[in-house]
Amino acid sequence: MHRSRRVAAFLAATFTLSIALPALALATGTITISGATASAPLVQLLAQKYEKLNKKVKIKITQGGTQVGINDVAAGRVSIADVSRDPLPTDPTGLDFYPVAKYYLCVVTNSANTLSSLTQAQVESIFTGKTREWSKVAGSKASGPIDIISRNSTAGTLSNFTTLLMGGKKVSTLASEESSEGLQRQAIEKDPNSIGFLSGYFASKGVNDVAFNGVGCTLANATSGSYAGVARFYEVTKGKATGAASAFIGWIENSAAAQKIISTQWISLK
């Protein structure tokens, strides 16, 4: 083979190898993330796996709620925002939303109140404060006033709950508000008269899941499409994702390892 042909063949092979290398192998640096408490358990698992595969990347995660993440990434304080709701017209301009998984929201009560199911009309009546006593709710094992445990305004789960399960109606101002899903679940666990809502991951233990319109709030029902309260998790960047943030998001979207993690307790988009 002539020298020129050997050089051409070598360059072609090198180019083919370079484009075949996984994006994570090319990423370096620190990725900072803030935002939704609902997606934090999933993103932490994904980050741990990614760091094991790529020793040159470190991922630092803080929470605070979806709106905190949105504000942080828009201001350039973090690389990525974890977001548990769809984009809103009020969001800052110039943000790119990358959907990475689906999750589901459950109406939940204290474990002592094994309420089995509520209709949408009942959910709306309870959470808007129209129905204030458990004696007015068929199937309830609790008595006395209904204590609504909600999330604060930074939460994407609050936005999705009102949109998906309450027909767009707002939660009553009588509700107590918690700053994270973990604190919300703890409050419901402690109060026998409480009712609230949690993402499926947090609703999987310590509380009673309530079926919605007769359909159980389960991963299987959410995955099949038979359950109404299904929403999306997003990774959000300021402008198009670049560098290490782009590589991490691309790995979540395309790797079998990431999809396996997602499918354990959430819903893959694949």
C-alpha atoms as a PDB file:
ATOM      1  CA  MET A   1       0.000   0.000   0.000  1.00  0.00           C
ATOM      2  CA  HIS A   2       1.332   3.466  -0.842  1.00  0.00           C
ATOM      3  CA  ARG A   3       2.218   5.675   2.120  1.00  0.00           C
ATOM      4  CA  SER A   4      -0.592   8.120   1.255  1.00  0.00           C
ATOM      5  CA  ARG A   5      -3.119   5.290   1.295  1.00  0.00           C
ATOM      6  CA  ARG A   6      -1.815   4.029   4.657  1.00  0.00           C
ATOM      7  CA  VAL A   7      -2.124   7.505   6.140  1.00  0.00           C
ATOM      8  CA  ALA A   8      -5.660   7.859   4.786  1.00  0.00           C
ATOM      9  CA  ALA A   9      -6.655   4.484   6.202  1.00  0.00           C
ATOM     10  CA  PHE A  10      -5.173   5.366   9.599  1.00  0.00           C
ATOM     11  CA  LEU A  11      -6.995   8.689   9.715  1.00  0.00           C
ATOM     12  CA  ALA A  12     -10.266   7.044   8.720  1.00  0.00           C
ATOM     13  CA  ALA A  13      -9.903   4.412  11.445  1.00  0.00           C
ATOM     14  CA  THR A  14      -8.999   7.069  14.019  1.00  0.00           C
ATOM     15  CA  PHE A  15     -12.042   9.163  13.077  1.00  0.00           C
ATOM     16  CA  THR A  16     -14.334   6.127  13.292  1.00  0.00           C
ATOM     17  CA  LEU A  17     -12.964   5.283  16.748  1.00  0.00           C
ATOM     18  CA  SER A  18     -13.357   8.859  17.998  1.00  0.00           C
ATOM     19  CA  ILE A  19     -17.020   9.112  17.065  1.00  0.00           C
ATOM     20  CA  ALA A  20     -17.690   5.705  18.597  1.00  0.00           C
ATOM     21  CA  LEU A  21     -16.341   6.706  21.997  1.00  0.00           C
ATOM     22  CA  PRO A  22     -19.155   7.307  24.507  1.00  0.00           C
ATOM     23  CA  ALA A  23     -19.764  10.926  25.369  1.00  0.00           C
ATOM     24  CA  LEU A  24     -19.098  10.276  29.051  1.00  0.00           C
ATOM     25  CA  ALA A  25     -15.491   9.307  28.258  1.00  0.00           C
ATOM     26  CA  LEU A  26     -14.907  12.804  26.885  1.00  0.00           C
ATOM     27  CA  ALA A  27     -16.495  14.724  29.776  1.00  0.00           C
ATOM     28  CA  THR A  28     -14.472  16.303  32.563  1.00  0.00           C
ATOM     29  CA  GLY A  29     -15.110  18.756  35.368  1.00  0.00           C
ATOM     30  CA  THR A  30     -17.778  19.435  37.984  1.00  0.00           C
ATOM     31  CA  ILE A  31     -21.511  19.483  37.303  1.00  0.00           C
ATOM     32  CA  THR A  32     -23.626  21.449  39.772  1.00  0.00           C
ATOM     33  CA  ILE A  33     -27.336  20.709  40.044  1.00  0.00           C
ATOM     34  CA  SER A  34     -30.162  22.188  42.128  1.00  0.00           C
ATOM     35  CA  GLY A  35     -33.935  21.929  42.126  1.00  0.00           C
ATOM     36  CA  ALA A  36     -36.761  19.452  42.592  1.00  0.00           C
ATOM     37  CA  THR A  37     -36.870  17.301  45.704  1.00  0.00           C
ATOM     38  CA  ALA A  38     -39.132  14.817  43.884  1.00  0.00           C
ATOM     39  CA  SER A  39     -36.478  13.969  41.290  1.00  0.00           C
ATOM     40  CA  ALA A  40     -33.511  14.162  43.677  1.00  0.00           C
ATOM     41  CA  PRO A  41     -33.508  10.419  44.561  1.00  0.00           C
ATOM     42  CA  LEU A  42     -33.419   9.472  40.877  1.00  0.00           C
ATOM     43  CA  VAL A  43     -30.801  12.052  39.906  1.00  0.00           C
ATOM     44  CA  GLN A  44     -28.617  11.017  42.853  1.00  0.00           C
ATOM     45  CA  LEU A  45     -28.691   7.392  41.693  1.00  0.00           C
ATOM     46  CA  LEU A  46     -27.899   8.435  38.131  1.00  0.00           C
ATOM     47  CA  ALA A  47     -25.072  10.703  39.302  1.00  0.00           C
ATOM     48  CA  GLN A  48     -23.519   7.953  41.427  1.00  0.00           C
ATOM     49  CA  LYS A  49     -23.502   5.566  38.480  1.00  0.00           C
ATOM     50  CA  TYR A  50     -22.143   8.190  36.110  1.00  0.00           C
ATOM     51  CA  GLU A  51     -19.304   9.116  38.464  1.00  0.00           C
ATOM     52  CA  LYS A  52     -18.320   5.448  38.724  1.00  0.00           C
ATOM     53  CA  LEU A  53     -18.156   5.220  34.940  1.00  0.00           C
ATOM     54  CA  ASN A  54     -16.335   8.524  34.537  1.00  0.00           C
ATOM     55  CA  LYS A  55     -13.805   9.315  37.251  1.00  0.00           C
ATOM     56  CA  LYS A  56     -13.087  12.724  35.713  1.00  0.00           C
ATOM     57  CA  VAL A  57     -16.534  14.133  36.538  1.00  0.00           C
ATOM     58  CA  LYS A  58     -17.934  15.165  39.914  1.00  0.00           C
ATOM     59  CA  ILE A  59     -21.617  15.939  40.371  1.00  0.00           C
ATOM     60  CA  LYS A  60     -22.840  18.118  43.243  1.00  0.00           C
ATOM     61  CA  ILE A  61     -26.592  18.085  43.940  1.00  0.00           C
ATOM     62  CA  THR A  62     -28.639  20.389  46.135  1.00  0.00           C
ATOM     63  CA  GLN A  63     -32.411  20.656  46.339  1.00  0.00           C
ATOM     64  CA  GLY A  64     -34.816  23.442  47.322  1.00  0.00           C
ATOM     65  CA  GLY A  65     -37.632  22.846  44.830  1.00  0.00           C
ATOM     66  CA  THR A  66     -38.191  23.180  41.103  1.00  0.00           C
ATOM     67  CA  GLN A  67     -38.433  26.974  41.124  1.00  0.00           C
ATOM     68  CA  VAL A  68     -35.178  27.261  43.048  1.00  0.00           C
ATOM     69  CA  GLY A  69     -33.488  25.170  40.357  1.00  0.00           C
ATOM     70  CA  ILE A  70     -35.031  27.260  37.588  1.00  0.00           C
ATOM     71  CA  ASN A  71     -33.843  30.479  39.213  1.00  0.00           C
ATOM     72  CA  ASP A  72     -30.369  29.059  39.889  1.00  0.00           C
ATOM     73  CA  VAL A  73     -29.730  27.820  36.352  1.00  0.00           C
ATOM     74  CA  ALA A  74     -31.124  31.009  34.785  1.00  0.00           C
ATOM     75  CA  ALA A  75     -28.716  33.050  36.925  1.00  0.00           C
ATOM     76  CA  GLY A  76     -25.778  30.806  36.052  1.00  0.00           C
ATOM     77  CA  ARG A  77     -25.332  29.554  39.617  1.00  0.00           C
ATOM     78  CA  VAL A  78     -25.613  25.880  38.601  1.00  0.00           C
ATOM     79  CA  SER A  79     -25.004  23.807  35.483  1.00  0.00           C
ATOM     80  CA  ILE A  80     -28.376  22.022  35.531  1.00  0.00           C
ATOM     81  CA  ALA A  81     -31.756  22.483  37.180  1.00  0.00           C
ATOM     82  CA  ASP A  82     -33.779  19.443  38.248  1.00  0.00           C
ATOM     83  CA  VAL A  83     -37.395  20.245  37.322  1.00  0.00           C
ATOM     84  CA  SER A  84     -40.503  18.188  38.093  1.00  0.00           C
ATOM     85  CA  ARG A  85     -43.034  20.089  35.968  1.00  0.00           C
ATOM     86  CA  ASP A  86     -43.484  21.148  32.361  1.00  0.00           C
ATOM     87  CA  PRO A  87     -42.175  24.542  31.174  1.00  0.00           C
ATOM     88  CA  LEU A  88     -44.314  27.537  32.111  1.00  0.00           C
ATOM     89  CA  PRO A  89     -44.795  30.830  30.244  1.00  0.00           C
ATOM     90  CA  THR A  90     -43.469  32.586  33.359  1.00  0.00           C
ATOM     91  CA  ASP A  91     -40.118  30.754  33.249  1.00  0.00           C
ATOM     92  CA  PRO A  92     -37.068  32.855  32.366  1.00  0.00           C
ATOM     93  CA  THR A  93     -36.290  32.950  28.653  1.00  0.00           C
ATOM     94  CA  GLY A  94     -33.422  31.027  27.143  1.00  0.00           C
ATOM     95  CA  LEU A  95     -33.816  27.777  29.083  1.00  0.00           C
ATOM     96  CA  ASP A  96     -33.632  24.369  27.409  1.00  0.00           C
ATOM     97  CA  PHE A  97     -35.766  21.581  28.925  1.00  0.00           C
ATOM     98  CA  TYR A  98     -34.555  17.987  28.429  1.00  0.00           C
ATOM     99  CA  PRO A  99     -37.135  15.368  29.490  1.00  0.00           C
ATOM    100  CA  VAL A 100     -35.395  12.419  31.161  1.00  0.00           C
ATOM    101  CA  ALA A 101     -38.117  10.326  32.849  1.00  0.00           C
ATOM    102  CA  LYS A 102     -41.743  10.197  33.909  1.00  0.00           C
ATOM    103  CA  TYR A 103     -43.079   9.888  37.437  1.00  0.00           C
ATOM    104  CA  TYR A 104     -46.493   9.628  39.035  1.00  0.00           C
ATOM    105  CA  LEU A 105     -48.270  11.514  41.831  1.00  0.00           C
ATOM    106  CA  CYS A 106     -50.394   9.851  44.518  1.00  0.00           C
ATOM    107  CA  VAL A 107     -52.991  11.229  46.886  1.00  0.00           C
ATOM    108  CA  VAL A 108     -51.927   9.857  50.269  1.00  0.00           C
ATOM    109  CA  THR A 109     -53.320   9.659  53.790  1.00  0.00           C
ATOM    110  CA  ASN A 110     -51.869   8.634  57.127  1.00  0.00           C
ATOM    111  CA  SER A 111     -51.314   4.866  57.248  1.00  0.00           C
ATOM    112  CA  ALA A 112     -54.013   4.518  59.935  1.00  0.00           C
ATOM    113  CA  ASN A 113     -56.591   5.931  57.528  1.00  0.00           C
ATOM    114  CA  THR A 114     -56.749   3.196  54.890  1.00  0.00           C
ATOM    115  CA  LEU A 115     -58.973   5.152  52.539  1.00  0.00           C
ATOM    116  CA  SER A 116     -59.065   3.120  49.338  1.00  0.00           C
ATOM    117  CA  SER A 117     -60.194   5.494  46.584  1.00  0.00           C
ATOM    118  CA  LEU A 118     -61.332   9.023  45.783  1.00  0.00           C
ATOM    119  CA  THR A 119     -62.973  10.468  42.704  1.00  0.00           C
ATOM    120  CA  GLN A 120     -61.617  13.629  41.117  1.00  0.00           C
ATOM    121  CA  ALA A 121     -64.655  15.505  42.478  1.00  0.00           C
ATOM    122  CA  GLN A 122     -63.816  14.310  45.999  1.00  0.00           C
ATOM    123  CA  VAL A 123     -60.140  15.244  45.624  1.00  0.00           C
ATOM    124  CA  GLU A 124     -61.117  18.721  44.444  1.00  0.00           C
ATOM    125  CA  SER A 125     -63.609  19.149  47.294  1.00  0.00           C
ATOM    126  CA  ILE A 126     -61.129  18.053  49.966  1.00  0.00           C
ATOM    127  CA  PHE A 127     -58.070  19.945  48.741  1.00  0.00           C
ATOM    128  CA  THR A 128     -59.940  23.177  48.007  1.00  0.00           C
ATOM    129  CA  GLY A 129     -61.298  23.093  51.567  1.00  0.00           C
ATOM    130  CA  LYS A 130     -64.930  22.574  50.644  1.00  0.00           C
ATOM    131  CA  THR A 131     -65.042  19.223  52.487  1.00  0.00           C
ATOM    132  CA  ARG A 132     -63.518  19.777  55.917  1.00  0.00           C
ATOM    133  CA  GLU A 133     -64.534  16.708  57.950  1.00  0.00           C
ATOM    134  CA  TRP A 134     -63.523  13.068  57.474  1.00  0.00           C
ATOM    135  CA  SER A 135     -67.057  12.024  58.392  1.00  0.00           C
ATOM    136  CA  LYS A 136     -68.125  13.425  55.016  1.00  0.00           C
ATOM    137  CA  VAL A 137     -65.717  11.126  53.121  1.00  0.00           C
ATOM    138  CA  ALA A 138     -67.032   7.625  52.442  1.00  0.00           C
ATOM    139  CA  GLY A 139     -64.573   4.889  53.378  1.00  0.00           C
ATOM    140  CA  SER A 140     -62.467   7.045  55.669  1.00  0.00           C
ATOM    141  CA  LYS A 141     -61.153   5.438  58.874  1.00  0.00           C
ATOM    142  CA  ALA A 142     -60.319   8.857  60.346  1.00  0.00           C
ATOM    143  CA  SER A 143     -62.642  11.199  62.218  1.00  0.00           C
ATOM    144  CA  GLY A 144     -62.547  14.907  62.911  1.00  0.00           C
ATOM    145  CA  PRO A 145     -61.190  17.717  60.726  1.00  0.00           C
ATOM    146  CA  ILE A 146     -59.220  17.021  57.553  1.00  0.00           C
ATOM    147  CA  ASP A 147     -55.654  18.325  57.743  1.00  0.00           C
ATOM    148  CA  ILE A 148     -54.302  19.132  54.264  1.00  0.00           C
ATOM    149  CA  ILE A 149     -50.524  18.830  53.920  1.00  0.00           C
ATOM    150  CA  SER A 150     -49.280  20.512  50.753  1.00  0.00           C
ATOM    151  CA  ARG A 151     -46.027  21.788  49.258  1.00  0.00           C
ATOM    152  CA  ASN A 152     -44.830  25.354  49.015  1.00  0.00           C
ATOM    153  CA  SER A 153     -44.943  27.386  45.831  1.00  0.00           C
ATOM    154  CA  THR A 154     -41.444  26.345  44.680  1.00  0.00           C
ATOM    155  CA  ALA A 155     -42.601  22.745  44.107  1.00  0.00           C
ATOM    156  CA  GLY A 156     -43.214  21.325  40.659  1.00  0.00           C
ATOM    157  CA  THR A 157     -45.248  18.544  42.250  1.00  0.00           C
ATOM    158  CA  LEU A 158     -47.757  21.129  43.491  1.00  0.00           C
ATOM    159  CA  SER A 159     -48.163  22.492  39.968  1.00  0.00           C
ATOM    160  CA  ASN A 160     -48.653  18.992  38.544  1.00  0.00           C
ATOM    161  CA  PHE A 161     -51.019  17.914  41.309  1.00  0.00           C
ATOM    162  CA  THR A 162     -53.387  20.797  40.681  1.00  0.00           C
ATOM    163  CA  THR A 163     -53.195  20.318  36.908  1.00  0.00           C
ATOM    164  CA  LEU A 164     -53.489  16.526  36.732  1.00  0.00           C
ATOM    165  CA  LEU A 165     -55.644  15.558  39.712  1.00  0.00           C
ATOM    166  CA  MET A 166     -57.565  18.720  40.634  1.00  0.00           C
ATOM    167  CA  GLY A 167     -58.785  19.998  37.279  1.00  0.00           C
ATOM    168  CA  GLY A 168     -56.689  23.144  37.623  1.00  0.00           C
ATOM    169  CA  LYS A 169     -58.189  24.183  40.971  1.00  0.00           C
ATOM    170  CA  LYS A 170     -55.903  25.565  43.681  1.00  0.00           C
ATOM    171  CA  VAL A 171     -55.141  23.927  47.012  1.00  0.00           C
ATOM    172  CA  SER A 172     -56.823  25.683  49.929  1.00  0.00           C
ATOM    173  CA  THR A 173     -54.904  28.350  51.821  1.00  0.00           C
ATOM    174  CA  LEU A 174     -55.877  26.386  54.948  1.00  0.00           C
ATOM    175  CA  ALA A 175     -53.311  23.745  53.991  1.00  0.00           C
ATOM    176  CA  SER A 176     -49.999  23.552  55.779  1.00  0.00           C
ATOM    177  CA  GLU A 177     -47.014  23.726  53.443  1.00  0.00           C
ATOM    178  CA  GLU A 178     -43.752  21.797  53.507  1.00  0.00           C
ATOM    179  CA  SER A 179     -40.544  22.665  51.685  1.00  0.00           C
ATOM    180  CA  SER A 180     -39.679  19.146  50.504  1.00  0.00           C
ATOM    181  CA  GLU A 181     -41.268  15.809  49.716  1.00  0.00           C
ATOM    182  CA  GLY A 182     -39.452  14.224  52.636  1.00  0.00           C
ATOM    183  CA  LEU A 183     -40.855  16.741  55.105  1.00  0.00           C
ATOM    184  CA  GLN A 184     -44.304  16.446  53.542  1.00  0.00           C
ATOM    185  CA  ARG A 185     -44.283  12.681  54.011  1.00  0.00           C
ATOM    186  CA  GLN A 186     -43.086  13.027  57.609  1.00  0.00           C
ATOM    187  CA  ALA A 187     -45.932  15.433  58.385  1.00  0.00           C
ATOM    188  CA  ILE A 188     -48.493  13.003  56.927  1.00  0.00           C
ATOM    189  CA  GLU A 189     -46.959  10.081  58.825  1.00  0.00           C
ATOM    190  CA  LYS A 190     -47.356  11.949  62.131  1.00  0.00           C
ATOM    191  CA  ASP A 191     -50.937  13.207  61.674  1.00  0.00           C
ATOM    192  CA  PRO A 192     -53.786  10.612  61.604  1.00  0.00           C
ATOM    193  CA  ASN A 193     -56.161  13.219  60.131  1.00  0.00           C
ATOM    194  CA  SER A 194     -53.867  14.275  57.300  1.00  0.00           C
ATOM    195  CA  ILE A 195     -54.098  14.039  53.534  1.00  0.00           C
ATOM    196  CA  GLY A 196     -51.589  15.157  50.949  1.00  0.00           C
ATOM    197  CA  PHE A 197     -49.875  14.169  47.709  1.00  0.00           C
ATOM    198  CA  LEU A 198     -46.480  12.669  46.977  1.00  0.00           C
ATOM    199  CA  SER A 199     -44.529  11.384  44.008  1.00  0.00           C
ATOM    200  CA  GLY A 200     -44.604   7.613  43.721  1.00  0.00           C
ATOM    201  CA  TYR A 201     -41.102   7.160  45.126  1.00  0.00           C
ATOM    202  CA  PHE A 202     -41.971   8.958  48.374  1.00  0.00           C
ATOM    203  CA  ALA A 203     -45.470   7.443  48.531  1.00  0.00           C
ATOM    204  CA  SER A 204     -44.105   3.900  48.405  1.00  0.00           C
ATOM    205  CA  LYS A 205     -43.657   3.595  52.166  1.00  0.00           C
ATOM    206  CA  GLY A 206     -44.944   5.075  55.424  1.00  0.00           C
ATOM    207  CA  VAL A 207     -48.281   6.341  54.076  1.00  0.00           C
ATOM    208  CA  ASN A 208     -51.511   5.038  52.529  1.00  0.00           C
ATOM    209  CA  ASP A 209     -51.820   5.413  48.746  1.00  0.00           C
ATOM    210  CA  VAL A 210     -55.319   6.325  47.582  1.00  0.00           C
ATOM    211  CA  ALA A 211     -56.636   5.188  44.199  1.00  0.00           C
ATOM    212  CA  PHE A 212     -57.824   7.986  41.887  1.00  0.00           C
ATOM    213  CA  ASN A 213     -61.127   7.421  40.085  1.00  0.00           C
ATOM    214  CA  GLY A 214     -60.819   3.745  40.987  1.00  0.00           C
ATOM    215  CA  VAL A 215     -57.330   3.298  39.494  1.00  0.00           C
ATOM    216  CA  GLY A 216     -54.550   2.416  41.914  1.00  0.00           C
ATOM    217  CA  CYS A 217     -51.597   4.764  42.194  1.00  0.00           C
ATOM    218  CA  THR A 218     -48.917   2.252  41.199  1.00  0.00           C
ATOM    219  CA  LEU A 219     -45.893   2.179  38.922  1.00  0.00           C
ATOM    220  CA  ALA A 220     -47.565  -0.467  36.752  1.00  0.00           C
ATOM    221  CA  ASN A 221     -50.711   1.621  36.234  1.00  0.00           C
ATOM    222  CA  ALA A 222     -48.694   4.761  35.595  1.00  0.00           C
ATOM    223  CA  THR A 223     -46.503   2.948  33.068  1.00  0.00           C
ATOM    224  CA  SER A 224     -49.513   1.474  31.251  1.00  0.00           C
ATOM    225  CA  GLY A 225     -51.194   4.873  30.966  1.00  0.00           C
ATOM    226  CA  SER A 226     -54.272   3.887  32.955  1.00  0.00           C
ATOM    227  CA  TYR A 227     -53.414   6.206  35.861  1.00  0.00           C
ATOM    228  CA  ALA A 228     -54.026   9.922  35.347  1.00  0.00           C
ATOM    229  CA  GLY A 229     -51.378  11.510  37.558  1.00  0.00           C
ATOM    230  CA  VAL A 230     -48.258  11.079  35.415  1.00  0.00           C
ATOM    231  CA  ALA A 231     -45.757  13.893  34.838  1.00  0.00           C
ATOM    232  CA  ARG A 232     -42.204  14.406  33.580  1.00  0.00           C
ATOM    233  CA  PHE A 233     -38.833  15.090  35.130  1.00  0.00           C
ATOM    234  CA  TYR A 234     -36.561  17.453  33.202  1.00  0.00           C
ATOM    235  CA  GLU A 235     -32.926  18.440  33.261  1.00  0.00           C
ATOM    236  CA  VAL A 236     -32.802  22.131  32.371  1.00  0.00           C
ATOM    237  CA  THR A 237     -29.863  24.204  31.181  1.00  0.00           C
ATOM    238  CA  LYS A 238     -29.313  27.856  30.341  1.00  0.00           C
ATOM    239  CA  GLY A 239     -29.232  27.674  26.571  1.00  0.00           C
ATOM    240  CA  LYS A 240     -28.293  24.463  24.829  1.00  0.00           C
ATOM    241  CA  ALA A 241     -26.461  22.035  27.106  1.00  0.00           C
ATOM    242  CA  THR A 242     -22.698  21.987  26.566  1.00  0.00           C
ATOM    243  CA  GLY A 243     -19.621  20.294  27.982  1.00  0.00           C
ATOM    244  CA  ALA A 244     -19.955  17.981  30.953  1.00  0.00           C
ATOM    245  CA  ALA A 245     -23.631  18.890  31.459  1.00  0.00           C
ATOM    246  CA  SER A 246     -24.422  17.889  27.871  1.00  0.00           C
ATOM    247  CA  ALA A 247     -22.553  14.599  28.248  1.00  0.00           C
ATOM    248  CA  PHE A 248     -24.385  13.744  31.478  1.00  0.00           C
ATOM    249  CA  ILE A 249     -27.807  14.530  30.027  1.00  0.00           C
ATOM    250  CA  GLY A 250     -26.967  12.582  26.873  1.00  0.00           C
ATOM    251  CA  TRP A 251     -25.929   9.599  28.979  1.00  0.00           C
ATOM    252  CA  ILE A 252     -29.246   9.697  30.873  1.00  0.00           C
ATOM    253  CA  GLU A 253     -31.200   9.864  27.639  1.00  0.00           C
ATOM    254  CA  ASN A 254     -29.340   7.135  25.758  1.00  0.00           C
ATOM    255  CA  SER A 255     -27.513   4.669  27.998  1.00  0.00           C
ATOM    256  CA  ALA A 256     -28.946   1.300  28.980  1.00  0.00           C
ATOM    257  CA  ALA A 257     -27.473   1.728  32.474  1.00  0.00           C
ATOM    258  CA  ALA A 258     -29.408   4.948  33.052  1.00  0.00           C
ATOM    259  CA  GLN A 259     -32.644   3.510  31.686  1.00  0.00           C
ATOM    260  CA  LYS A 260     -32.283   0.510  33.990  1.00  0.00           C
ATOM    261  CA  ILE A 261     -32.040   2.831  36.997  1.00  0.00           C
ATOM    262  CA  ILE A 262     -35.021   4.880  35.839  1.00  0.00           C
ATOM    263  CA  SER A 263     -37.177   1.794  35.351  1.00  0.00           C
ATOM    264  CA  THR A 264     -36.756   0.634  38.956  1.00  0.00           C
ATOM    265  CA  GLN A 265     -39.169   3.171  40.456  1.00  0.00           C
ATOM    266  CA  TRP A 266     -39.873   5.671  37.703  1.00  0.00           C
ATOM    267  CA  ILE A 267     -40.939   5.481  34.049  1.00  0.00           C
ATOM    268  CA  SER A 268     -38.499   5.416  31.154  1.00  0.00           C
ATOM    269  CA  LEU A 269     -39.186   7.592  28.126  1.00  0.00           C
ATOM    270  CA  LYS A 270     -37.780   4.876  25.856  1.00  0.00           C
END
